[in-house]
Structure formats: structure tokens, C-alpha cells
Protein backbone atom coordinates (compact mmCIF):
# COMPACT_ATOMS: atom_id res chain seq x y z
CA MET A 1 0.05 -0.11 0.07
CA SER A 2 1.49 3.45 -0.93
CA ALA A 3 1.84 6.22 1.49
CA ARG A 4 -0.31 9.11 1.62
CA LEU A 5 1.09 12.35 0.42
CA ALA A 6 0.71 15.48 2.63
CA PRO A 7 -1.30 18.32 1.02
CA GLU A 8 1.49 20.36 0.17
CA GLU A 9 3.39 17.31 -1.40
CA ARG A 10 0.02 16.53 -3.50
CA ILE A 11 0.23 20.16 -4.77
CA VAL A 12 3.95 19.81 -5.91
CA ALA A 13 3.39 16.52 -7.61
CA ALA A 14 0.32 17.90 -9.32
CA ASP A 15 2.50 20.77 -10.51
CA VAL A 16 4.98 18.59 -11.72
CA LEU A 17 2.46 16.44 -13.66
CA ASP A 18 1.43 19.49 -15.60
CA LYS A 19 4.83 19.93 -17.17
CA PRO A 20 5.96 17.72 -19.86
CA VAL A 21 8.72 15.41 -18.97
CA PHE A 22 11.27 14.70 -21.62
CA PHE A 23 13.84 12.17 -21.97
CA ALA A 24 17.15 14.09 -21.52
CA PRO A 25 20.22 12.13 -20.07
CA SER A 26 23.56 13.72 -19.53
CA ALA A 27 25.63 14.40 -22.54
CA PHE A 28 28.03 12.01 -21.39
CA LYS A 29 25.60 9.17 -20.95
CA LEU A 30 23.96 9.95 -24.32
CA GLY A 31 27.23 10.06 -26.19
CA ALA A 32 28.72 6.91 -24.40
CA MET A 33 25.74 4.88 -24.52
CA SER A 34 25.11 5.79 -28.35
CA LEU A 35 28.76 4.84 -29.30
CA ALA A 36 28.58 1.57 -27.38
CA THR A 37 25.47 0.41 -28.85
CA ALA A 38 26.10 1.45 -32.41
CA GLY A 39 23.44 4.03 -32.33
CA LEU A 40 20.61 2.04 -30.55
CA TYR A 41 20.60 4.09 -27.62
CA THR A 42 20.11 7.22 -30.08
CA MET A 43 16.92 5.35 -31.46
CA TYR A 44 15.77 4.76 -27.70
CA TRP A 45 16.22 8.63 -27.21
CA PHE A 46 13.84 9.33 -30.17
CA TRP A 47 11.39 6.68 -28.84
CA ARG A 48 11.23 8.13 -25.27
CA ASN A 49 10.76 11.62 -26.75
CA TRP A 50 8.39 10.85 -29.25
CA ARG A 51 6.29 9.28 -26.56
CA ALA A 52 6.53 12.69 -24.56
CA ILE A 53 5.50 14.55 -27.56
CA GLN A 54 2.44 12.17 -27.95
CA HIS A 55 1.44 12.65 -24.40
CA GLU A 56 2.05 16.43 -24.58
CA THR A 57 0.34 17.17 -27.74
CA GLY A 58 -2.38 14.24 -27.71
CA ALA A 59 -1.61 13.49 -31.38
CA SER A 60 -1.87 9.99 -32.65
CA LEU A 61 1.74 8.85 -33.34
CA TRP A 62 3.60 5.70 -33.61
CA PRO A 63 6.72 6.38 -31.38
CA TRP A 64 8.35 3.16 -32.04
CA ALA A 65 8.00 3.59 -36.10
CA ARG A 66 9.20 7.12 -35.84
CA ALA A 67 12.34 6.04 -33.71
CA LEU A 68 12.98 3.24 -35.91
CA PHE A 69 13.14 5.58 -38.97
CA CYS A 70 14.68 8.45 -36.87
CA PRO A 71 16.81 9.67 -39.71
CA LEU A 72 13.84 10.80 -41.55
CA TRP A 73 11.74 11.82 -38.62
CA CYS A 74 14.47 13.81 -36.87
CA PHE A 75 13.32 16.86 -38.21
CA SER A 76 9.87 16.80 -36.93
CA CYS A 77 10.93 15.59 -33.59
CA PHE A 78 13.54 18.35 -33.19
CA ALA A 79 11.11 21.00 -34.27
CA GLN A 80 8.23 19.58 -31.86
CA LEU A 81 10.46 19.56 -29.02
CA ALA A 82 11.84 22.97 -29.66
CA ASP A 83 8.37 24.17 -29.92
CA LEU A 84 7.17 22.61 -26.73
CA VAL A 85 9.78 24.48 -24.65
CA ARG A 86 9.84 27.66 -26.72
CA GLY A 87 6.51 28.42 -25.14
CA ARG A 88 8.61 28.45 -22.12
CA ARG A 89 10.93 31.01 -23.23
CA ARG A 90 13.81 28.62 -24.50
CA GLU A 91 15.46 28.59 -27.79
CA LEU A 92 17.48 26.01 -29.49
CA GLY A 93 20.91 27.34 -30.14
CA PHE A 94 20.92 25.62 -33.88
CA PRO A 95 18.44 25.72 -36.76
CA VAL A 96 16.40 22.49 -36.54
CA ALA A 97 17.02 21.94 -40.22
CA LEU A 98 20.72 22.03 -39.74
CA LEU A 99 20.82 19.46 -37.01
CA GLY A 100 18.19 17.42 -39.03
CA ILE A 101 20.48 17.61 -42.26
CA VAL A 102 23.57 16.65 -40.15
CA PHE A 103 21.81 13.63 -38.43
CA LEU A 104 20.53 12.24 -41.67
CA ALA A 105 23.96 12.90 -43.41
CA LEU A 106 25.91 11.00 -40.55
CA ASN A 107 23.30 8.05 -40.77
CA LEU A 108 23.75 7.97 -44.49
CA ALA A 109 27.63 7.79 -43.70
CA GLY A 110 27.27 4.31 -42.58
CA ARG A 111 26.41 3.11 -45.90
CA LEU A 112 29.93 4.07 -47.26
CA ASP A 113 32.25 1.35 -47.94
CA ASN A 114 35.41 2.86 -46.38
CA ALA A 115 36.80 4.15 -43.24
CA ALA A 116 34.25 7.27 -43.59
CA SER A 117 31.61 4.94 -42.62
CA LEU A 118 32.90 5.23 -39.15
CA LEU A 119 31.30 8.80 -39.01
CA ALA A 120 27.87 6.88 -38.44
CA PHE A 121 28.96 6.44 -34.91
CA LEU A 122 28.75 10.16 -34.42
CA SER A 123 25.21 10.39 -35.41
CA PHE A 124 24.44 11.26 -31.74
CA VAL A 125 26.13 14.71 -32.05
CA PRO A 126 23.36 16.64 -33.49
CA VAL A 127 20.91 15.19 -30.96
CA LEU A 128 23.34 16.87 -28.05
CA PRO A 129 21.79 20.35 -28.37
CA VAL A 130 18.33 19.33 -28.45
CA ASN A 131 19.04 17.32 -25.35
CA ALA A 132 20.79 20.13 -23.67
CA LEU A 133 17.84 22.29 -24.43
CA LEU A 134 15.44 19.68 -22.81
CA ARG A 135 17.80 19.37 -19.72
CA GLN A 136 17.59 23.35 -19.39
CA TYR A 137 14.03 23.00 -19.34
CA HIS A 138 14.00 20.40 -16.69
CA ARG A 139 16.43 22.69 -14.52
CA ASP A 140 14.30 25.69 -15.06
CA GLU A 141 10.90 23.89 -14.28
CA ARG A 142 12.66 22.42 -11.37
CA ILE A 143 12.02 18.74 -12.60
CA ASP A 144 14.22 16.10 -10.99
CA SER A 145 15.88 14.20 -13.86
CA ALA A 146 18.80 13.07 -11.78
CA ARG A 147 17.66 9.39 -12.25
CA LEU A 148 18.19 9.99 -16.02
CA ASP A 149 21.80 10.55 -15.43
CA ARG A 150 22.60 7.19 -13.41
CA LEU A 151 24.33 4.33 -14.79
CA THR A 152 22.91 1.18 -13.59
CA ILE A 153 24.81 -2.02 -13.84
CA TRP A 154 23.30 -2.76 -17.16
CA HIS A 155 24.61 0.52 -18.58
CA VAL A 156 28.15 -0.31 -17.33
CA LEU A 157 28.05 -3.58 -18.84
CA ILE A 158 26.83 -2.39 -22.15
CA LEU A 159 29.43 0.49 -21.92
CA LEU A 160 32.16 -2.19 -21.27
CA ALA A 161 30.99 -4.73 -23.92
CA GLY A 162 30.24 -2.15 -26.59
CA GLY A 163 33.28 -0.15 -25.89
CA THR A 164 35.34 -3.09 -26.34
CA VAL A 165 33.80 -3.89 -29.62
CA LEU A 166 34.16 -0.38 -30.89
CA LEU A 167 38.08 -0.18 -29.93
CA MET A 168 38.62 -3.47 -31.78
CA LEU A 169 36.69 -2.06 -34.71
CA LEU A 170 38.74 1.16 -34.67
CA ALA A 171 42.10 -0.94 -34.41
CA VAL A 172 41.25 -2.92 -37.45
CA VAL A 173 40.47 0.17 -39.44
CA ILE A 174 43.38 2.02 -38.22
CA LEU A 175 45.91 -1.03 -38.72
CA GLY A 176 44.33 -2.18 -41.74
CA GLU A 177 43.72 -5.95 -42.22
CA VAL A 178 45.37 -7.72 -39.48
CA SER A 179 47.16 -11.24 -40.09
CA ILE A 180 48.63 -13.42 -37.69
CA ASN A 181 51.19 -15.90 -38.88
CA LEU A 182 51.04 -19.09 -36.69
CA PRO A 183 54.00 -21.29 -36.83
CA GLN A 184 53.74 -24.26 -38.99
CA GLY A 185 54.15 -27.54 -37.19
CA THR A 186 53.95 -30.98 -38.25
CA LEU A 187 51.21 -33.32 -36.54
CA GLY A 188 51.88 -36.76 -35.72
């Protein structure tokens, strides 16, 4: 059974519920998790924020589909998030179209068949200004988002595993094809 809230706490809780709550982890967590998961965490960022947009606007959206195709839907997502917090006297530091174009270009870089395809790992970078805007909104509105910054054991395990794979991939790209010559021995 849950504990009853005091009248003052109910007022504070009701006030917070009237404010939109977006998914805005720390820049370190967003960048590290995006790198370690090869962009899946960025897709998760879009999914969570599309759900917040849907909740705030009441629009009929498919957040999972918009997250899956985030390179195409990023323009709309960035614009709607900026609009939702603009009404609260906050402005995005970069044009939405520029952030969207850079996000799309970095995602398309993954289609290249040379070392430039590694640029796709940086596709989270255009998300950072929008994420910072959402974090500023949370600070200004006194919405506690500290839990978004915490690294759980699962985050740490993903960072270790994904970071190891990423470092190995970078080593192969930097060193070129690695061949190991084993000594030839006779069996028998």
C-alpha cells in the first residue's frame, strides 16, 4: 500500500505532472551509450521523446516507428521538442533544419564502404543540442531528472562490451587488415 501524500506534496506532485517531462540524459551518458550500442541508444532517445510529444500534444503517433526511422523523422522531432519548450521562453541554439541534415548525413555515412562509414557512430552529436535544451527546461522547471543521469549495472555492462567492440573495430580500421602468422608444425 502506498503512503499518503501531505497536502503540500500533492500540490507539488500535481504541478510537476502538468509539465511535460522529456527524456534528456546527461551528454556523457547519451554519447557513451550511443557509441557503445552503435546508435541504438540514440534510437531509444527518439522513442522516449516521441512518447513525450505524443503525451503532450495528444497526437496519434507511432513512437516506435518514428524512432525506427529516426533519420527521416528527426526534423519533425527536433522541431516539435523545440516548439514545446519555446513556449516556456527557451530557444534551440541551432536551426532545426541544420541539425536534421547533419543527423541524416551522419546516418547515411554508415552506407559508405570505406573508413568514412565510421562517421555514422557520431550520429548522436546533432542530438546533443536538443538534449541540452530539454535538460535546461527540466532545470528551469525544477523537474528532477537525476535518475536519467545514473548509470546502472546494465549501462556499465553495455558500455564495457560495446566499448570493447568499438575499440577493436577502430584498431582494425587504423591498422588495416590484421593477419597473424602462426608457426607451421607437423602433426603426428
